Amino acid sequence: MRAAGTLSEPLLLLRPDIHHATDGSTTKSYAQVALVWGQVRPSTGTESMAAGRIASTYPLTITIRRRTDVAEGWRIERDGQSLRVRAVIPHAGQDPFMQILCEHEEGDDGGT
């Protein structure tokens, strides 16, 4: 896949935590799991209309050392940006790296 030398960008992995209150409400937050080094590659962006505004999405492919805990719905913070994990690409055999498909959405407020 890739040599470890190309994993030169610090990335913060965040796991979603859902808290259920006694009044029946739920609150979603994100807990820090690990600071890892990775490589981020952009893909072609898309635009669509949402609530009368143009919404842009920018898919990214992130390569990090293989982990077993990263899943869809996690967040990755990168240089002040919050990226939503859309998919984790299954790795083959003993491959030491994994790829994660993420999306940065313009105007993203960090919510669901």
C-alpha atoms as a PDB file:
ATOM      1  CA  MET A   1       0.000   0.000   0.000  1.00  0.00           C
ATOM      2  CA  ARG A   2       2.046   2.991   1.256  1.00  0.00           C
ATOM      3  CA  ALA A   3       5.322   3.464   3.022  1.00  0.00           C
ATOM      4  CA  ALA A   4       5.096   4.748   6.581  1.00  0.00           C
ATOM      5  CA  GLY A   5       7.029   7.883   5.581  1.00  0.00           C
ATOM      6  CA  THR A   6       3.994   9.231   3.698  1.00  0.00           C
ATOM      7  CA  LEU A   7       1.848   9.227   6.841  1.00  0.00           C
ATOM      8  CA  SER A   8       2.897  12.741   7.775  1.00  0.00           C
ATOM      9  CA  GLU A   9      -0.313  14.496   8.853  1.00  0.00           C
ATOM     10  CA  PRO A  10      -1.583  14.394  12.461  1.00  0.00           C
ATOM     11  CA  LEU A  11      -5.215  13.263  12.714  1.00  0.00           C
ATOM     12  CA  LEU A  12      -7.421  13.057  15.802  1.00  0.00           C
ATOM     13  CA  LEU A  13      -9.839  10.102  15.895  1.00  0.00           C
ATOM     14  CA  LEU A  14     -13.153  10.781  17.660  1.00  0.00           C
ATOM     15  CA  ARG A  15     -15.773   8.167  18.607  1.00  0.00           C
ATOM     16  CA  PRO A  16     -19.451   9.173  18.945  1.00  0.00           C
ATOM     17  CA  ASP A  17     -20.895   9.024  22.467  1.00  0.00           C
ATOM     18  CA  ILE A  18     -24.658   9.166  22.904  1.00  0.00           C
ATOM     19  CA  HIS A  19     -25.916  10.158  26.345  1.00  0.00           C
ATOM     20  CA  HIS A  20     -29.522   9.407  27.354  1.00  0.00           C
ATOM     21  CA  ALA A  21     -30.981  11.779  29.954  1.00  0.00           C
ATOM     22  CA  THR A  22     -33.672  10.791  32.440  1.00  0.00           C
ATOM     23  CA  ASP A  23     -36.144  13.115  30.678  1.00  0.00           C
ATOM     24  CA  GLY A  24     -35.850  11.017  27.507  1.00  0.00           C
ATOM     25  CA  SER A  25     -33.632  13.416  25.573  1.00  0.00           C
ATOM     26  CA  THR A  26     -30.380  12.328  23.966  1.00  0.00           C
ATOM     27  CA  THR A  27     -27.157  14.237  23.465  1.00  0.00           C
ATOM     28  CA  LYS A  28     -24.469  13.243  20.975  1.00  0.00           C
ATOM     29  CA  SER A  29     -20.863  14.187  21.594  1.00  0.00           C
ATOM     30  CA  TYR A  30     -17.503  12.876  20.437  1.00  0.00           C
ATOM     31  CA  ALA A  31     -14.780  11.392  22.642  1.00  0.00           C
ATOM     32  CA  GLN A  32     -11.109  11.488  21.684  1.00  0.00           C
ATOM     33  CA  VAL A  33      -9.720   8.043  20.974  1.00  0.00           C
ATOM     34  CA  ALA A  34      -6.248   8.553  19.526  1.00  0.00           C
ATOM     35  CA  LEU A  35      -3.909  10.891  17.694  1.00  0.00           C
ATOM     36  CA  VAL A  36      -2.612   9.071  14.607  1.00  0.00           C
ATOM     37  CA  TRP A  37      -0.500   9.974  11.589  1.00  0.00           C
ATOM     38  CA  GLY A  38      -2.002   9.639   8.153  1.00  0.00           C
ATOM     39  CA  GLN A  39      -2.126  10.703   4.543  1.00  0.00           C
ATOM     40  CA  VAL A  40      -5.146  12.646   3.237  1.00  0.00           C
ATOM     41  CA  ARG A  41      -6.010  12.647  -0.465  1.00  0.00           C
ATOM     42  CA  PRO A  42      -8.893  14.729  -1.843  1.00  0.00           C
ATOM     43  CA  SER A  43     -11.380  13.520  -4.434  1.00  0.00           C
ATOM     44  CA  THR A  44     -13.704  15.462  -6.696  1.00  0.00           C
ATOM     45  CA  GLY A  45     -16.243  17.581  -4.811  1.00  0.00           C
ATOM     46  CA  THR A  46     -19.998  17.783  -5.464  1.00  0.00           C
ATOM     47  CA  GLU A  47     -22.613  20.463  -5.021  1.00  0.00           C
ATOM     48  CA  SER A  48     -26.346  20.167  -4.318  1.00  0.00           C
ATOM     49  CA  MET A  49     -29.217  22.344  -3.135  1.00  0.00           C
ATOM     50  CA  ALA A  50     -30.183  22.055   0.537  1.00  0.00           C
ATOM     51  CA  ALA A  51     -32.694  24.398   2.182  1.00  0.00           C
ATOM     52  CA  GLY A  52     -32.413  26.829  -0.704  1.00  0.00           C
ATOM     53  CA  ARG A  53     -28.613  27.035  -0.440  1.00  0.00           C
ATOM     54  CA  ILE A  54     -25.832  25.366  -2.336  1.00  0.00           C
ATOM     55  CA  ALA A  55     -24.241  22.673  -0.160  1.00  0.00           C
ATOM     56  CA  SER A  56     -20.778  21.425  -1.109  1.00  0.00           C
ATOM     57  CA  THR A  57     -19.233  18.126  -0.104  1.00  0.00           C
ATOM     58  CA  TYR A  58     -15.590  17.150  -0.494  1.00  0.00           C
ATOM     59  CA  PRO A  59     -14.831  13.435  -0.215  1.00  0.00           C
ATOM     60  CA  LEU A  60     -11.405  12.493   1.124  1.00  0.00           C
ATOM     61  CA  THR A  61      -9.505   9.214   1.347  1.00  0.00           C
ATOM     62  CA  ILE A  62      -7.421   8.900   4.496  1.00  0.00           C
ATOM     63  CA  THR A  63      -4.717   6.268   4.921  1.00  0.00           C
ATOM     64  CA  ILE A  64      -3.581   5.360   8.458  1.00  0.00           C
ATOM     65  CA  ARG A  65      -1.945   2.408  10.152  1.00  0.00           C
ATOM     66  CA  ARG A  66      -4.466  -0.407  10.537  1.00  0.00           C
ATOM     67  CA  ARG A  67      -6.828  -0.221  13.517  1.00  0.00           C
ATOM     68  CA  THR A  68      -9.802  -2.385  14.396  1.00  0.00           C
ATOM     69  CA  ASP A  69     -11.931   0.212  16.163  1.00  0.00           C
ATOM     70  CA  VAL A  70     -12.613   2.917  13.527  1.00  0.00           C
ATOM     71  CA  ALA A  71     -16.178   2.764  12.156  1.00  0.00           C
ATOM     72  CA  GLU A  72     -18.717   4.685  10.111  1.00  0.00           C
ATOM     73  CA  GLY A  73     -20.072   7.639  12.073  1.00  0.00           C
ATOM     74  CA  TRP A  74     -16.749   8.505  13.712  1.00  0.00           C
ATOM     75  CA  ARG A  75     -15.129  11.904  13.209  1.00  0.00           C
ATOM     76  CA  ILE A  76     -11.580  12.785  12.277  1.00  0.00           C
ATOM     77  CA  GLU A  77     -10.234  16.228  13.105  1.00  0.00           C
ATOM     78  CA  ARG A  78      -7.626  17.579  10.759  1.00  0.00           C
ATOM     79  CA  ASP A  79      -6.063  21.020  10.893  1.00  0.00           C
ATOM     80  CA  GLY A  80      -9.210  22.633  12.324  1.00  0.00           C
ATOM     81  CA  GLN A  81     -11.577  20.663  10.075  1.00  0.00           C
ATOM     82  CA  SER A  82     -14.073  18.062  11.224  1.00  0.00           C
ATOM     83  CA  LEU A  83     -14.415  15.133   8.815  1.00  0.00           C
ATOM     84  CA  ARG A  84     -17.256  12.610   8.974  1.00  0.00           C
ATOM     85  CA  VAL A  85     -16.274   8.949   8.426  1.00  0.00           C
ATOM     86  CA  ARG A  86     -18.540   7.564   5.698  1.00  0.00           C
ATOM     87  CA  ALA A  87     -16.898   4.154   5.212  1.00  0.00           C
ATOM     88  CA  VAL A  88     -13.926   2.061   6.247  1.00  0.00           C
ATOM     89  CA  ILE A  89     -12.489   0.089   3.336  1.00  0.00           C
ATOM     90  CA  PRO A  90     -11.826  -3.528   4.362  1.00  0.00           C
ATOM     91  CA  HIS A  91      -8.148  -4.414   4.293  1.00  0.00           C
ATOM     92  CA  ALA A  92      -6.662  -7.574   2.866  1.00  0.00           C
ATOM     93  CA  GLY A  93      -4.846 -10.051   5.056  1.00  0.00           C
ATOM     94  CA  GLN A  94      -2.054  -8.556   7.115  1.00  0.00           C
ATOM     95  CA  ASP A  95      -1.915  -5.207   5.319  1.00  0.00           C
ATOM     96  CA  PRO A  96      -0.397  -2.742   7.831  1.00  0.00           C
ATOM     97  CA  PHE A  97      -2.520   0.187   6.543  1.00  0.00           C
ATOM     98  CA  MET A  98      -6.208   0.958   6.129  1.00  0.00           C
ATOM     99  CA  GLN A  99      -8.209   3.464   4.117  1.00  0.00           C
ATOM    100  CA  ILE A 100     -11.099   5.541   5.429  1.00  0.00           C
ATOM    101  CA  LEU A 101     -13.532   7.461   3.239  1.00  0.00           C
ATOM    102  CA  CYS A 102     -14.492  10.794   4.813  1.00  0.00           C
ATOM    103  CA  GLU A 103     -16.441  13.863   3.897  1.00  0.00           C
ATOM    104  CA  HIS A 104     -16.040  17.470   4.902  1.00  0.00           C
ATOM    105  CA  GLU A 105     -19.225  19.443   4.541  1.00  0.00           C
ATOM    106  CA  GLU A 106     -19.198  23.207   4.197  1.00  0.00           C
ATOM    107  CA  GLY A 107     -21.205  24.839   6.951  1.00  0.00           C
ATOM    108  CA  ASP A 108     -20.951  21.674   9.075  1.00  0.00           C
ATOM    109  CA  ASP A 109     -21.791  22.577  12.647  1.00  0.00           C
ATOM    110  CA  GLY A 110     -20.475  19.319  14.108  1.00  0.00           C
ATOM    111  CA  GLY A 111     -23.976  17.893  14.611  1.00  0.00           C
ATOM    112  CA  THR A 112     -25.461  14.771  13.130  1.00  0.00           C
END
